[in-house]
Amino acid sequence: MPTDEGWLHLAAVKDMATMEIVGRSMSERLRSSLAADAMRMALQNRRPVLGLICRSDRGIQYASSDCRRLPDAWKATASMGRKGDCLDNAPMESFFGSLANELVHCTRFRSRREARAALFECIAIFCKRKRRHPSIGCRTPGQARIDMSAKMGA
């Protein structure tokens, strides 16, 4: 994201069962720790059960040793997209495309702090509580998570 202070980079992790962004990290520099921090947030917030598959693209930040160790620590399976297959990462590309069209391209951010606040509001409030997804029955990610929790608890 461009700001008047310079770039702000975002890494995000999506739960494909609920379509919710469950991990995110922002930084003024694109580093491998950015992706690892987003994945760490997702794993700590969700405390996944055995059988989790952590899917990523082939970017260098996802291939870093920091990112590769995280799934192992949580007894999850790491999976990377195939080389040259743009559809492997389509759900995240769609998320970032919507974010760019609905927020980034129509807003001038004077500071990284302002951009961080706008991203938090967009991801944690709008995307989770208001945006409906056809792939989860035209429910919001928040509704899908509640429904999933109810099924698992019953």
Protein backbone atom coordinates (compact mmCIF):
# COMPACT_ATOMS: atom_id res chain seq x y z
CA MET A 1 0.00 0.00 0.00
CA PRO A 2 1.40 3.38 -0.89
CA THR A 3 1.38 6.08 1.79
CA ASP A 4 2.92 9.53 1.89
CA GLU A 5 5.58 8.04 4.19
CA GLY A 6 6.39 5.14 1.83
CA TRP A 7 5.09 1.60 1.33
CA LEU A 8 3.20 -0.51 3.84
CA HIS A 9 3.26 -4.24 3.08
CA LEU A 10 0.56 -6.65 4.20
CA ALA A 11 0.68 -10.42 4.61
CA ALA A 12 -2.58 -12.24 5.34
CA VAL A 13 -3.74 -15.78 6.13
CA LYS A 14 -7.23 -16.94 5.18
CA ASP A 15 -9.24 -19.77 6.73
CA MET A 16 -10.76 -21.40 3.65
CA ALA A 17 -13.57 -23.03 5.65
CA THR A 18 -14.96 -19.67 6.82
CA MET A 19 -13.27 -17.30 4.31
CA GLU A 20 -12.08 -15.23 7.28
CA ILE A 21 -8.70 -13.50 7.41
CA VAL A 22 -7.35 -15.08 10.61
CA GLY A 23 -3.80 -13.77 10.54
CA ARG A 24 -2.24 -10.57 9.28
CA SER A 25 0.97 -8.64 9.58
CA MET A 26 2.07 -5.25 8.29
CA SER A 27 5.51 -3.79 7.81
CA GLU A 28 7.27 -0.99 5.96
CA ARG A 29 9.67 -3.57 4.49
CA LEU A 30 8.92 -6.82 2.69
CA ARG A 31 10.70 -9.46 4.78
CA SER A 32 10.21 -13.16 5.41
CA SER A 33 9.19 -12.30 8.99
CA LEU A 34 6.10 -10.53 7.60
CA ALA A 35 4.59 -13.77 6.29
CA ALA A 36 5.76 -15.74 9.34
CA ASP A 37 4.14 -13.23 11.71
CA ALA A 38 0.81 -13.47 9.84
CA MET A 39 0.95 -17.27 9.95
CA ARG A 40 1.92 -17.22 13.64
CA MET A 41 -1.07 -14.97 14.42
CA ALA A 42 -3.41 -17.32 12.55
CA LEU A 43 -2.11 -20.42 14.31
CA GLN A 44 -2.19 -18.83 17.77
CA ASN A 45 -5.69 -17.40 17.27
CA ARG A 46 -7.22 -20.58 15.89
CA ARG A 47 -5.32 -23.31 17.75
CA PRO A 48 -6.00 -25.72 14.87
CA VAL A 49 -6.70 -29.41 15.26
CA LEU A 50 -4.62 -32.11 13.61
CA GLY A 51 -4.99 -32.27 9.86
CA LEU A 52 -4.51 -28.57 9.12
CA ILE A 53 -2.97 -27.81 5.74
CA CYS A 54 -1.05 -24.51 5.47
CA ARG A 55 -1.18 -23.54 1.80
CA SER A 56 1.00 -20.77 0.36
CA ASP A 57 2.38 -19.56 -2.92
CA ARG A 58 6.02 -19.99 -3.86
CA GLY A 59 7.20 -16.53 -2.81
CA ILE A 60 10.55 -16.32 -1.09
CA GLN A 61 8.98 -15.07 2.13
CA TYR A 62 6.87 -18.27 2.35
CA ALA A 63 9.82 -20.51 1.54
CA SER A 64 11.91 -19.02 4.36
CA SER A 65 12.98 -21.30 7.18
CA ASP A 66 10.88 -19.24 9.61
CA CYS A 67 7.69 -19.95 7.64
CA ARG A 68 8.56 -23.58 6.97
CA ARG A 69 9.07 -24.33 10.68
CA LEU A 70 5.69 -22.97 11.82
CA PRO A 71 3.46 -25.72 10.35
CA ASP A 72 5.78 -28.37 11.79
CA ALA A 73 5.51 -26.81 15.25
CA TRP A 74 1.70 -27.07 15.04
CA LYS A 75 1.77 -30.56 13.46
CA ALA A 76 0.26 -29.16 10.29
CA THR A 77 1.10 -30.02 6.71
CA ALA A 78 2.81 -27.33 4.63
CA SER A 79 1.76 -27.14 1.00
CA MET A 80 3.04 -24.81 -1.73
CA GLY A 81 1.39 -23.98 -4.99
CA ARG A 82 2.72 -25.39 -8.23
CA LYS A 83 5.15 -23.33 -10.25
CA GLY A 84 3.37 -21.27 -12.89
CA ASP A 85 -0.19 -22.13 -11.73
CA CYS A 86 -1.89 -18.84 -10.92
CA LEU A 87 -5.10 -20.56 -9.80
CA ASP A 88 -3.38 -22.16 -6.81
CA ASN A 89 -3.52 -18.87 -4.95
CA ALA A 90 -6.80 -17.56 -6.37
CA PRO A 91 -8.59 -17.04 -3.01
CA MET A 92 -5.84 -14.76 -1.71
CA GLU A 93 -5.45 -13.00 -5.06
CA SER A 94 -9.20 -12.31 -4.94
CA PHE A 95 -8.92 -10.93 -1.39
CA PHE A 96 -6.01 -8.64 -2.29
CA GLY A 97 -7.76 -7.53 -5.49
CA SER A 98 -10.92 -6.58 -3.59
CA LEU A 99 -8.85 -4.81 -0.95
CA ALA A 100 -7.04 -2.82 -3.63
CA ASN A 101 -10.26 -1.85 -5.45
CA GLU A 102 -12.31 -1.02 -2.36
CA LEU A 103 -9.69 0.64 -0.18
CA VAL A 104 -6.20 1.18 -1.58
CA HIS A 105 -6.98 2.70 -4.98
CA CYS A 106 -9.60 5.11 -3.64
CA THR A 107 -7.84 6.34 -0.50
CA ARG A 108 -4.80 8.51 0.02
CA PHE A 109 -3.00 7.52 3.20
CA ARG A 110 -0.88 10.25 4.73
CA SER A 111 0.90 7.88 7.09
CA ARG A 112 1.53 4.19 7.62
CA ARG A 113 -0.35 4.48 10.90
CA GLU A 114 -3.42 5.74 9.03
CA ALA A 115 -3.10 2.89 6.51
CA ARG A 116 -2.75 0.31 9.32
CA ALA A 117 -5.93 1.59 10.98
CA ALA A 118 -7.85 1.47 7.69
CA LEU A 119 -6.62 -2.06 6.97
CA PHE A 120 -7.60 -3.24 10.44
CA GLU A 121 -11.08 -1.79 10.06
CA CYS A 122 -11.51 -3.28 6.60
CA ILE A 123 -10.26 -6.76 7.51
CA ALA A 124 -11.43 -7.18 11.10
CA ILE A 125 -14.76 -5.41 10.79
CA PHE A 126 -16.01 -5.13 7.20
CA CYS A 127 -14.64 -8.37 5.73
CA LYS A 128 -15.45 -10.46 8.82
CA ARG A 129 -18.83 -9.05 9.80
CA LYS A 130 -20.39 -7.56 6.67
CA ARG A 131 -19.03 -9.05 3.44
CA ARG A 132 -21.00 -12.10 2.32
CA HIS A 133 -19.36 -14.93 0.40
CA PRO A 134 -21.21 -17.20 -2.03
CA SER A 135 -18.78 -20.05 -1.28
CA ILE A 136 -20.06 -20.20 2.33
CA GLY A 137 -23.77 -19.89 1.57
CA CYS A 138 -23.88 -16.07 1.26
CA ARG A 139 -23.00 -15.75 4.93
CA THR A 140 -20.33 -13.56 6.43
CA PRO A 141 -17.12 -15.19 7.68
CA GLY A 142 -18.22 -14.39 11.24
CA GLN A 143 -21.52 -16.22 10.71
CA ALA A 144 -19.74 -19.17 9.11
CA ARG A 145 -17.38 -19.45 12.07
CA ILE A 146 -20.26 -19.40 14.58
CA ASP A 147 -22.10 -22.06 12.57
CA MET A 148 -18.98 -24.20 12.34
CA SER A 149 -18.33 -23.89 16.09
CA ALA A 150 -21.91 -24.89 16.84
CA LYS A 151 -21.60 -28.00 14.64
CA MET A 152 -18.32 -29.02 16.25
CA GLY A 153 -19.69 -28.48 19.76
CA ALA A 154 -22.86 -30.46 19.12
